C-alpha cells in the first residue's frame, strides 16, 4: 500500500513533515513491525523531496526507536510507537528551534515579574528588571501520553510582554512570537548544559524521584545588536531526553 503524496508547508522543515508522515504510516501499520521501508530513492520519488530530506527524516525515526537500518538488509520497522526518550540533534538555529515545534508546553503559568537578585545573576541582568515569565511542563507532540520530558521556565524581556496573549495554544518557539509581533529575531543562541539533582518541587512536577539526576539546559536568545530577547532554563529528568551534536571540520583546516 502506497502512502499519498505529502503537501509540504513552508513553516516547518520538510524532513520533519516527512518524518511525521512516516510515523503515521508506521502507527497505522501501513509499514508493520518487521516490514522494510521503501528505499531512499523510492521515498524521494514518492514525496518529491531530496535524498538529504529523506535521510534526515529517517534519522529522526531511528532516534525515536521506530526503525533500524542494516547494510544489505535495508531499513526495517522495529516499533509502532516512539520510545519514551526524546532526542534532539543540533546543527543550526533552525534545528534548535525545532525542539519547540516537536514539543509543547502544558500546565502553563504566565506572569509579569521583577526578577530577584538570584534570578538576575542567573540571567545576567539587573535585579528588578521586568520580564514576562512563562512556566510549564514540556511534552512531546509525537508521544503525548509519555511522562513530560522537562520543566521549563522562560523569561521574556519585558519590552516584548505583548506576546502574553499569543502564548496560549502556540505551537513553536516563543522567540518566533517576538519576531512576529515586534520584528526582533534571535540571531544568536548561547547554551550551557550542566547536571543537577531535582529538588522536591521540580520532582513533584515531573513525577520523578526527589534528588534524582537531571540535565539542566540554559539558553540566552539575543538579537543581532546584542539585545536579550529571552532566557530559558529547562530541567530534563534522567532517561527522558538526549542531546545530539555534530561537529564538522572547516575546509582547509
Protein backbone atom coordinates (compact mmCIF):
# COMPACT_ATOMS: atom_id res chain seq x y z
CA UNK A 1 0.00 0.00 0.00
CA UNK A 2 1.43 3.34 -1.02
CA UNK A 3 1.03 6.49 1.06
CA UNK A 4 -0.42 9.61 -0.58
CA UNK A 5 1.92 12.39 -1.57
CA UNK A 6 2.50 14.92 1.21
CA UNK A 7 1.81 18.59 0.58
CA UNK A 8 4.62 20.28 2.48
CA UNK A 9 4.00 23.62 4.19
CA UNK A 10 6.95 26.05 4.31
CA UNK A 11 6.58 26.82 8.03
CA UNK A 12 8.44 23.67 9.10
CA UNK A 13 11.44 21.77 7.74
CA UNK A 14 10.48 19.26 5.05
CA UNK A 15 12.31 16.43 6.82
CA UNK A 16 10.22 16.99 9.97
CA UNK A 17 6.98 16.80 7.99
CA UNK A 18 8.15 13.69 6.16
CA UNK A 19 9.11 12.08 9.47
CA UNK A 20 5.63 12.79 10.83
CA UNK A 21 4.03 11.24 7.75
CA UNK A 22 6.12 8.09 8.05
CA UNK A 23 5.37 7.89 11.78
CA UNK A 24 1.66 7.96 10.96
CA UNK A 25 2.10 5.20 8.39
CA UNK A 26 4.00 3.08 10.91
CA UNK A 27 1.40 3.68 13.64
CA UNK A 28 -1.39 2.69 11.21
CA UNK A 29 0.65 -0.38 10.18
CA UNK A 30 0.99 0.69 6.58
CA UNK A 31 4.51 -0.46 7.45
CA UNK A 32 4.04 -3.03 10.26
CA UNK A 33 6.77 -4.21 12.60
CA UNK A 34 9.24 -6.29 10.62
CA UNK A 35 8.39 -4.62 7.32
CA UNK A 36 11.05 -2.91 5.23
CA UNK A 37 10.57 0.75 4.37
CA UNK A 38 10.90 1.83 0.73
CA UNK A 39 14.41 2.71 -0.40
CA UNK A 40 15.69 6.28 -0.16
CA UNK A 41 15.24 6.66 -3.91
CA UNK A 42 11.66 5.42 -3.72
CA UNK A 43 10.82 7.82 -0.88
CA UNK A 44 12.39 10.69 -2.84
CA UNK A 45 10.15 9.92 -5.80
CA UNK A 46 7.03 9.28 -3.72
CA UNK A 47 7.22 12.51 -1.75
CA UNK A 48 9.12 14.66 -4.26
CA UNK A 49 11.89 15.51 -1.82
CA UNK A 50 15.68 15.39 -1.86
CA UNK A 51 17.78 12.49 -0.63
CA UNK A 52 19.03 14.72 2.21
CA UNK A 53 15.43 15.30 3.35
CA UNK A 54 14.73 11.56 3.34
CA UNK A 55 17.90 10.79 5.31
CA UNK A 56 17.12 13.41 7.95
CA UNK A 57 13.56 12.08 8.30
CA UNK A 58 14.81 8.50 8.69
CA UNK A 59 17.42 9.65 11.20
CA UNK A 60 14.63 11.16 13.30
CA UNK A 61 12.63 7.92 13.20
CA UNK A 62 15.73 5.99 14.21
CA UNK A 63 16.30 8.32 17.17
CA UNK A 64 12.71 7.66 18.27
CA UNK A 65 13.33 3.92 18.19
CA UNK A 66 10.88 3.20 15.36
CA UNK A 67 13.28 1.86 12.73
CA UNK A 68 16.70 0.25 12.41
CA UNK A 69 18.99 0.18 9.38
CA UNK A 70 21.41 -2.56 8.37
CA UNK A 71 23.61 -2.62 5.32
CA UNK A 72 22.36 -5.17 2.81
CA UNK A 73 19.04 -5.56 4.63
CA UNK A 74 17.51 -2.10 4.40
CA UNK A 75 15.51 -0.11 6.92
CA UNK A 76 13.11 -2.20 8.99
CA UNK A 77 10.32 -1.13 11.31
CA UNK A 78 11.05 -2.28 14.87
CA UNK A 79 8.28 -0.49 16.83
CA UNK A 80 4.96 1.22 16.15
CA UNK A 81 5.27 3.77 18.96
CA UNK A 82 8.19 6.07 19.82
CA UNK A 83 10.34 5.26 22.80
CA UNK A 84 9.86 7.41 25.88
CA UNK A 85 13.13 9.28 25.40
CA UNK A 86 13.20 12.37 23.19
CA UNK A 87 16.39 13.04 21.20
CA UNK A 88 17.41 16.38 19.76
CA UNK A 89 20.06 16.82 17.10
CA UNK A 90 21.52 20.31 16.77
CA UNK A 91 23.42 21.69 13.82
CA UNK A 92 21.82 25.12 13.36
CA UNK A 93 19.49 27.67 14.98
CA UNK A 94 16.63 26.23 12.92
CA UNK A 95 17.25 22.75 14.34
CA UNK A 96 17.46 24.17 17.86
CA UNK A 97 14.12 25.95 17.45
CA UNK A 98 12.60 22.77 16.01
CA UNK A 99 12.60 21.45 19.59
CA UNK A 100 9.76 23.85 20.39
CA UNK A 101 7.76 22.55 17.42
CA UNK A 102 8.26 18.87 18.26
CA UNK A 103 7.20 19.53 21.85
CA UNK A 104 4.54 21.58 23.59
CA UNK A 105 4.05 23.31 26.93
CA UNK A 106 1.26 22.15 29.24
CA UNK A 107 0.05 23.41 32.63
CA UNK A 108 1.32 26.82 31.56
CA UNK A 109 1.61 29.67 34.06
CA UNK A 110 2.28 33.24 32.86
CA UNK A 111 3.10 36.27 34.99
CA UNK A 112 4.98 39.56 34.74
CA UNK A 113 7.75 39.58 37.32
CA UNK A 114 10.56 41.79 38.57
CA UNK A 115 13.47 39.38 38.82
CA UNK A 116 15.16 38.77 42.15
CA UNK A 117 18.90 39.10 42.70
CA UNK A 118 19.29 35.34 42.29
CA UNK A 119 17.32 35.32 39.04
CA UNK A 120 19.20 38.36 37.77
CA UNK A 121 22.54 36.65 38.43
CA UNK A 122 21.31 33.62 36.51
CA UNK A 123 20.06 35.63 33.55
CA UNK A 124 22.83 38.22 33.53
CA UNK A 125 20.69 41.33 34.02
CA UNK A 126 19.97 43.89 36.73
CA UNK A 127 17.86 42.94 39.76
CA UNK A 128 14.33 44.25 39.46
CA UNK A 129 14.26 44.13 35.67
CA UNK A 130 10.80 43.30 34.35
CA UNK A 131 10.24 40.03 32.47
CA UNK A 132 7.27 38.02 31.26
CA UNK A 133 7.77 34.62 32.94
CA UNK A 134 6.29 31.55 31.25
CA UNK A 135 6.47 28.22 33.10
CA UNK A 136 5.21 24.76 32.23
CA UNK A 137 5.80 21.10 31.55
CA UNK A 138 7.22 20.23 28.14
CA UNK A 139 5.75 17.17 26.44
CA UNK A 140 6.46 15.55 23.08
CA UNK A 141 3.84 16.00 20.37
CA UNK A 142 4.63 12.54 18.98
CA UNK A 143 4.02 10.80 22.33
CA UNK A 144 1.64 12.91 24.45
CA UNK A 145 0.92 10.07 26.89
CA UNK A 146 4.57 9.79 27.90
CA UNK A 147 5.94 11.43 31.03
CA UNK A 148 6.93 15.08 30.48
CA UNK A 149 10.47 15.49 29.21
CA UNK A 150 11.17 18.76 31.02
CA UNK A 151 10.09 21.52 33.35
CA UNK A 152 10.73 24.80 31.54
CA UNK A 153 10.86 28.42 32.66
CA UNK A 154 11.11 31.16 30.03
CA UNK A 155 11.88 34.79 30.84
CA UNK A 156 10.85 37.12 28.01
CA UNK A 157 12.32 40.63 28.01
CA UNK A 158 9.63 42.92 29.42
CA UNK A 159 9.80 45.07 26.30
CA UNK A 160 8.12 42.19 24.46
CA UNK A 161 5.48 41.28 27.06
CA UNK A 162 2.78 41.99 24.46
CA UNK A 163 3.12 38.38 23.32
CA UNK A 164 1.37 37.26 26.51
CA UNK A 165 -2.00 36.81 24.81
CA UNK A 166 -0.38 34.85 21.97
CA UNK A 167 1.25 32.18 24.14
CA UNK A 168 -1.83 30.05 24.82
CA UNK A 169 -2.18 27.43 22.13
CA UNK A 170 1.02 28.49 20.37
CA UNK A 171 3.00 25.67 18.77
CA UNK A 172 6.59 26.67 18.21
CA UNK A 173 9.35 28.77 19.70
CA UNK A 174 8.46 31.73 21.92
CA UNK A 175 11.15 33.70 20.07
CA UNK A 176 9.02 33.33 16.93
CA UNK A 177 6.16 35.17 18.68
CA UNK A 178 8.57 38.00 19.48
CA UNK A 179 9.62 38.16 15.84
CA UNK A 180 6.02 38.10 14.58
CA UNK A 181 4.86 40.93 16.85
CA UNK A 182 7.98 43.08 17.19
CA UNK A 183 10.26 42.14 14.28
CA UNK A 184 13.17 41.26 16.59
CA UNK A 185 14.74 37.95 15.56
CA UNK A 186 17.05 35.68 17.54
CA UNK A 187 20.36 35.81 15.68
CA UNK A 188 22.45 34.19 18.40
CA UNK A 189 21.60 31.49 20.94
CA UNK A 190 24.04 30.75 23.75
CA UNK A 191 23.58 27.44 25.52
CA UNK A 192 25.01 25.91 28.69
CA UNK A 193 24.31 22.28 29.63
CA UNK A 194 25.01 21.02 33.14
CA UNK A 195 23.83 18.36 35.56
CA UNK A 196 21.84 18.80 38.75
CA UNK A 197 19.66 16.96 41.25
CA UNK A 198 15.91 17.53 41.22
CA UNK A 199 14.50 19.41 44.19
CA UNK A 200 11.14 18.47 45.70
CA UNK A 201 9.03 20.99 43.77
CA UNK A 202 10.67 20.00 40.49
CA UNK A 203 10.41 16.27 41.15
CA UNK A 204 6.71 16.64 42.01
CA UNK A 205 6.05 18.47 38.74
CA UNK A 206 7.99 15.95 36.67
CA UNK A 207 6.85 12.84 38.52
CA UNK A 208 10.48 11.88 39.12
CA UNK A 209 12.28 10.88 42.34
CA UNK A 210 13.47 13.72 44.54
CA UNK A 211 17.24 14.10 44.31
CA UNK A 212 17.44 12.12 41.07
CA UNK A 213 19.83 13.39 38.36
CA UNK A 214 18.67 15.74 35.64
CA UNK A 215 20.09 17.63 32.69
CA UNK A 216 19.86 21.42 33.06
CA UNK A 217 19.87 23.43 29.83
CA UNK A 218 20.09 27.24 29.92
CA UNK A 219 19.69 29.33 26.78
CA UNK A 220 20.03 33.02 26.02
CA UNK A 221 18.36 34.29 22.84
CA UNK A 222 19.77 37.59 21.59
CA UNK A 223 19.12 39.84 18.61
CA UNK A 224 21.80 40.95 16.18
CA UNK A 225 22.50 44.08 18.24
CA UNK A 226 23.07 42.00 21.39
CA UNK A 227 19.69 42.75 22.99
CA UNK A 228 18.43 39.89 25.15
CA UNK A 229 15.09 38.66 23.81
CA UNK A 230 14.54 35.78 26.19
CA UNK A 231 16.24 33.43 28.62
CA UNK A 232 15.11 29.88 29.31
CA UNK A 233 16.06 27.09 31.68
CA UNK A 234 14.85 23.50 31.28
CA UNK A 235 15.26 20.52 33.61
CA UNK A 236 15.23 17.11 31.91
CA UNK A 237 14.97 14.05 34.22
CA UNK A 238 17.38 11.21 33.52
CA UNK A 239 16.30 8.89 30.73
CA UNK A 240 13.79 11.22 29.10
CA UNK A 241 15.97 13.35 26.85
CA UNK A 242 19.19 13.07 24.88
CA UNK A 243 21.13 15.81 23.16
CA UNK A 244 23.00 15.09 19.93
CA UNK A 245 25.51 17.49 18.37
CA UNK A 246 27.57 17.24 15.23
CA UNK A 247 30.90 18.99 14.68
CA UNK A 248 32.44 19.34 11.23
CA UNK A 249 35.96 20.35 10.34
CA UNK A 250 36.08 23.53 8.30
CA UNK A 251 37.51 23.12 4.81
CA UNK A 252 41.22 23.88 4.64
CA UNK A 253 41.78 23.36 8.38
